[in-house]
């Protein structure tokens, strides 16, 4: 009984993890333009500082 309960919890956690990863990927895809510009600015700033 306890083992079945553990498996259900583990499976639920894994599904939740996958959903979070998937939603993060979607968010990145939608914001890829602005994100890339920000990343480039950060790289330039780091290059100047470094």
PDB file of N, CA and C in Angstrom:
ATOM      1  N   UNK A   1       0.833  -1.200   0.000  1.00  0.00           N
ATOM      2  CA  UNK A   1       0.000   0.000   0.000  1.00  0.00           C
ATOM      3  C   UNK A   1       0.870   1.254   0.000  1.00  0.00           C
ATOM      4  N   UNK A   2       1.845   1.277   0.913  1.00  0.00           N
ATOM      5  CA  UNK A   2       2.722   2.444   1.008  1.00  0.00           C
ATOM      6  C   UNK A   2       3.529   2.662  -0.261  1.00  0.00           C
ATOM      7  N   UNK A   3       3.955   1.558  -0.878  1.00  0.00           N
ATOM      8  CA  UNK A   3       4.761   1.654  -2.091  1.00  0.00           C
ATOM      9  C   UNK A   3       3.959   2.264  -3.236  1.00  0.00           C
ATOM     10  N   UNK A   4       2.707   1.847  -3.383  1.00  0.00           N
ATOM     11  CA  UNK A   4       1.846   2.394  -4.431  1.00  0.00           C
ATOM     12  C   UNK A   4       1.647   3.889  -4.253  1.00  0.00           C
ATOM     13  N   UNK A   5       1.470   4.313  -3.007  1.00  0.00           N
ATOM     14  CA  UNK A   5       1.293   5.725  -2.698  1.00  0.00           C
ATOM     15  C   UNK A   5       2.545   6.500  -3.092  1.00  0.00           C
ATOM     16  N   UNK A   6       3.710   5.941  -2.777  1.00  0.00           N
ATOM     17  CA  UNK A   6       4.977   6.589  -3.113  1.00  0.00           C
ATOM     18  C   UNK A   6       5.119   6.748  -4.620  1.00  0.00           C
ATOM     19  N   UNK A   7       4.786   5.686  -5.365  1.00  0.00           N
ATOM     20  CA  UNK A   7       4.893   5.740  -6.825  1.00  0.00           C
ATOM     21  C   UNK A   7       3.992   6.814  -7.407  1.00  0.00           C
ATOM     22  N   UNK A   8       2.780   6.948  -6.867  1.00  0.00           N
ATOM     23  CA  UNK A   8       1.837   7.957  -7.357  1.00  0.00           C
ATOM     24  C   UNK A   8       2.396   9.358  -7.114  1.00  0.00           C
ATOM     25  N   UNK A   9       2.966   9.572  -5.929  1.00  0.00           N
ATOM     26  CA  UNK A   9       3.545  10.881  -5.607  1.00  0.00           C
ATOM     27  C   UNK A   9       4.717  11.182  -6.530  1.00  0.00           C
ATOM     28  N   UNK A  10       5.569  10.189  -6.730  1.00  0.00           N
ATOM     29  CA  UNK A  10       6.742  10.357  -7.586  1.00  0.00           C
ATOM     30  C   UNK A  10       6.325  10.698  -9.010  1.00  0.00           C
ATOM     31  N   UNK A  11       5.310   9.980  -9.506  1.00  0.00           N
ATOM     32  CA  UNK A  11       4.812  10.212 -10.857  1.00  0.00           C
ATOM     33  C   UNK A  11       4.233  11.620 -10.972  1.00  0.00           C
ATOM     34  N   UNK A  12       3.467  12.034  -9.969  1.00  0.00           N
ATOM     35  CA  UNK A  12       2.873  13.374  -9.977  1.00  0.00           C
ATOM     36  C   UNK A  12       3.967  14.434  -9.999  1.00  0.00           C
ATOM     37  N   UNK A  13       5.014  14.229  -9.210  1.00  0.00           N
ATOM     38  CA  UNK A  13       6.130  15.177  -9.189  1.00  0.00           C
ATOM     39  C   UNK A  13       6.807  15.258 -10.548  1.00  0.00           C
ATOM     40  N   UNK A  14       7.016  14.109 -11.164  1.00  0.00           N
ATOM     41  CA  UNK A  14       7.676  14.072 -12.475  1.00  0.00           C
ATOM     42  C   UNK A  14       6.835  14.790 -13.528  1.00  0.00           C
ATOM     43  N   UNK A  15       5.512  14.574 -13.489  1.00  0.00           N
ATOM     44  CA  UNK A  15       4.625  15.234 -14.448  1.00  0.00           C
ATOM     45  C   UNK A  15       4.665  16.741 -14.231  1.00  0.00           C
ATOM     46  N   UNK A  16       4.625  17.157 -12.965  1.00  0.00           N
ATOM     47  CA  UNK A  16       4.678  18.579 -12.633  1.00  0.00           C
ATOM     48  C   UNK A  16       5.984  19.185 -13.136  1.00  0.00           C
ATOM     49  N   UNK A  17       7.077  18.473 -12.911  1.00  0.00           N
ATOM     50  CA  UNK A  17       8.391  18.932 -13.366  1.00  0.00           C
ATOM     51  C   UNK A  17       8.404  19.130 -14.877  1.00  0.00           C
ATOM     52  N   UNK A  18       7.864  18.144 -15.595  1.00  0.00           N
ATOM     53  CA  UNK A  18       7.826  18.210 -17.055  1.00  0.00           C
ATOM     54  C   UNK A  18       6.979  19.391 -17.518  1.00  0.00           C
ATOM     55  N   UNK A  19       5.848  19.619 -16.853  1.00  0.00           N
ATOM     56  CA  UNK A  19       4.978  20.743 -17.215  1.00  0.00           C
ATOM     57  C   UNK A  19       5.690  22.070 -17.003  1.00  0.00           C
ATOM     58  N   UNK A  20       6.407  22.196 -15.888  1.00  0.00           N
ATOM     59  CA  UNK A  20       7.129  23.435 -15.599  1.00  0.00           C
ATOM     60  C   UNK A  20       8.210  23.666 -16.647  1.00  0.00           C
ATOM     61  N   UNK A  21       8.976  22.625 -16.967  1.00  0.00           N
ATOM     62  CA  UNK A  21      10.010  22.743 -17.993  1.00  0.00           C
ATOM     63  C   UNK A  21       9.408  23.152 -19.326  1.00  0.00           C
ATOM     64  N   UNK A  22       8.276  22.521 -19.668  1.00  0.00           N
ATOM     65  CA  UNK A  22       7.616  22.797 -20.944  1.00  0.00           C
ATOM     66  C   UNK A  22       7.132  24.239 -21.003  1.00  0.00           C
ATOM     67  N   UNK A  23       6.535  24.716 -19.912  1.00  0.00           N
ATOM     68  CA  UNK A  23       6.031  26.093 -19.899  1.00  0.00           C
ATOM     69  C   UNK A  23       7.190  27.084 -19.959  1.00  0.00           C
ATOM     70  N   UNK A  24       8.306  26.751 -19.318  1.00  0.00           N
ATOM     71  CA  UNK A  24       9.487  27.617 -19.400  1.00  0.00           C
ATOM     72  C   UNK A  24      10.009  27.678 -20.825  1.00  0.00           C
ATOM     73  N   UNK A  25      10.040  26.534 -21.513  1.00  0.00           N
ATOM     74  CA  UNK A  25      10.476  26.501 -22.909  1.00  0.00           C
ATOM     75  C   UNK A  25       9.568  27.362 -23.769  1.00  0.00           C
ATOM     76  N   UNK A  26       8.246  27.243 -23.557  1.00  0.00           N
ATOM     77  CA  UNK A  26       7.289  28.045 -24.320  1.00  0.00           C
ATOM     78  C   UNK A  26       7.527  29.525 -24.071  1.00  0.00           C
ATOM     79  N   UNK A  27       7.747  29.888 -22.816  1.00  0.00           N
ATOM     80  CA  UNK A  27       7.960  31.289 -22.463  1.00  0.00           C
ATOM     81  C   UNK A  27       9.217  31.806 -23.164  1.00  0.00           C
ATOM     82  N   UNK A  28      10.270  31.017 -23.162  1.00  0.00           N
ATOM     83  CA  UNK A  28      11.515  31.416 -23.825  1.00  0.00           C
ATOM     84  C   UNK A  28      11.292  31.582 -25.324  1.00  0.00           C
ATOM     85  N   UNK A  29      10.552  30.652 -25.934  1.00  0.00           N
ATOM     86  CA  UNK A  29      10.274  30.732 -27.371  1.00  0.00           C
ATOM     87  C   UNK A  29       9.544  32.024 -27.717  1.00  0.00           C
ATOM     88  N   UNK A  30       8.582  32.412 -26.872  1.00  0.00           N
ATOM     89  CA  UNK A  30       7.783  33.596 -27.155  1.00  0.00           C
ATOM     90  C   UNK A  30       8.584  34.877 -26.938  1.00  0.00           C
ATOM     91  N   UNK A  31       9.539  34.841 -26.011  1.00  0.00           N
ATOM     92  CA  UNK A  31      10.290  36.050 -25.655  1.00  0.00           C
ATOM     93  C   UNK A  31      11.703  36.019 -26.223  1.00  0.00           C
ATOM     94  N   UNK A  32      11.939  35.181 -27.221  1.00  0.00           N
ATOM     95  CA  UNK A  32      13.317  34.926 -27.639  1.00  0.00           C
ATOM     96  C   UNK A  32      13.993  36.186 -28.179  1.00  0.00           C
ATOM     97  N   UNK A  33      13.262  37.054 -28.872  1.00  0.00           N
ATOM     98  CA  UNK A  33      13.856  38.284 -29.402  1.00  0.00           C
ATOM     99  C   UNK A  33      14.418  39.175 -28.306  1.00  0.00           C
ATOM    100  N   UNK A  34      13.548  39.654 -27.407  1.00  0.00           N
ATOM    101  CA  UNK A  34      14.005  40.517 -26.323  1.00  0.00           C
ATOM    102  C   UNK A  34      15.052  39.845 -25.444  1.00  0.00           C
ATOM    103  N   UNK A  35      14.866  38.538 -25.201  1.00  0.00           N
ATOM    104  CA  UNK A  35      15.822  37.827 -24.358  1.00  0.00           C
ATOM    105  C   UNK A  35      17.204  37.831 -25.005  1.00  0.00           C
ATOM    106  N   UNK A  36      17.254  37.588 -26.313  1.00  0.00           N
ATOM    107  CA  UNK A  36      18.534  37.567 -27.010  1.00  0.00           C
ATOM    108  C   UNK A  36      19.216  38.926 -26.923  1.00  0.00           C
ATOM    109  N   UNK A  37      18.445  39.996 -27.103  1.00  0.00           N
ATOM    110  CA  UNK A  37      19.026  41.333 -27.018  1.00  0.00           C
ATOM    111  C   UNK A  37      19.588  41.584 -25.629  1.00  0.00           C
ATOM    112  N   UNK A  38      18.828  41.176 -24.600  1.00  0.00           N
ATOM    113  CA  UNK A  38      19.303  41.355 -23.233  1.00  0.00           C
ATOM    114  C   UNK A  38      20.580  40.557 -23.009  1.00  0.00           C
ATOM    115  N   UNK A  39      20.607  39.329 -23.513  1.00  0.00           N
ATOM    116  CA  UNK A  39      21.782  38.480 -23.340  1.00  0.00           C
ATOM    117  C   UNK A  39      22.992  39.108 -24.024  1.00  0.00           C
ATOM    118  N   UNK A  40      22.784  39.664 -25.213  1.00  0.00           N
ATOM    119  CA  UNK A  40      23.874  40.319 -25.933  1.00  0.00           C
ATOM    120  C   UNK A  40      24.378  41.530 -25.160  1.00  0.00           C
ATOM    121  N   UNK A  41      23.448  42.323 -24.631  1.00  0.00           N
ATOM    122  CA  UNK A  41      23.844  43.481 -23.833  1.00  0.00           C
ATOM    123  C   UNK A  41      24.657  43.042 -22.626  1.00  0.00           C
ATOM    124  N   UNK A  42      24.230  41.951 -21.986  1.00  0.00           N
ATOM    125  CA  UNK A  42      24.955  41.441 -20.830  1.00  0.00           C
ATOM    126  C   UNK A  42      26.361  41.009 -21.239  1.00  0.00           C
ATOM    127  N   UNK A  43      26.475  40.346 -22.381  1.00  0.00           N
ATOM    128  CA  UNK A  43      27.786  39.904 -22.858  1.00  0.00           C
ATOM    129  C   UNK A  43      28.686  41.107 -23.130  1.00  0.00           C
ATOM    130  N   UNK A  44      28.129  42.140 -23.757  1.00  0.00           N
ATOM    131  CA  UNK A  44      28.905  43.351 -24.026  1.00  0.00           C
ATOM    132  C   UNK A  44      29.362  43.982 -22.721  1.00  0.00           C
ATOM    133  N   UNK A  45      28.441  44.082 -21.761  1.00  0.00           N
ATOM    134  CA  UNK A  45      28.771  44.670 -20.464  1.00  0.00           C
ATOM    135  C   UNK A  45      29.867  43.854 -19.787  1.00  0.00           C
ATOM    136  N   UNK A  46      29.750  42.534 -19.842  1.00  0.00           N
ATOM    137  CA  UNK A  46      30.760  41.671 -19.235  1.00  0.00           C
ATOM    138  C   UNK A  46      32.104  41.833 -19.934  1.00  0.00           C
ATOM    139  N   UNK A  47      32.073  41.984 -21.255  1.00  0.00           N
ATOM    140  CA  UNK A  47      33.315  42.153 -22.006  1.00  0.00           C
ATOM    141  C   UNK A  47      33.990  43.462 -21.607  1.00  0.00           C
ATOM    142  N   UNK A  48      33.194  44.518 -21.453  1.00  0.00           N
ATOM    143  CA  UNK A  48      33.753  45.814 -21.056  1.00  0.00           C
ATOM    144  C   UNK A  48      34.343  45.723 -19.658  1.00  0.00           C
ATOM    145  N   UNK A  49      33.585  45.094 -18.746  1.00  0.00           N
ATOM    146  CA  UNK A  49      34.051  44.978 -17.361  1.00  0.00           C
ATOM    147  C   UNK A  49      35.257  44.048 -17.290  1.00  0.00           C
ATOM    148  N   UNK A  50      35.177  42.925 -18.032  1.00  0.00           N
ATOM    149  CA  UNK A  50      36.230  41.913 -17.974  1.00  0.00           C
ATOM    150  C   UNK A  50      37.466  42.436 -18.631  1.00  0.00           C
TER     151      UNK A  50
END
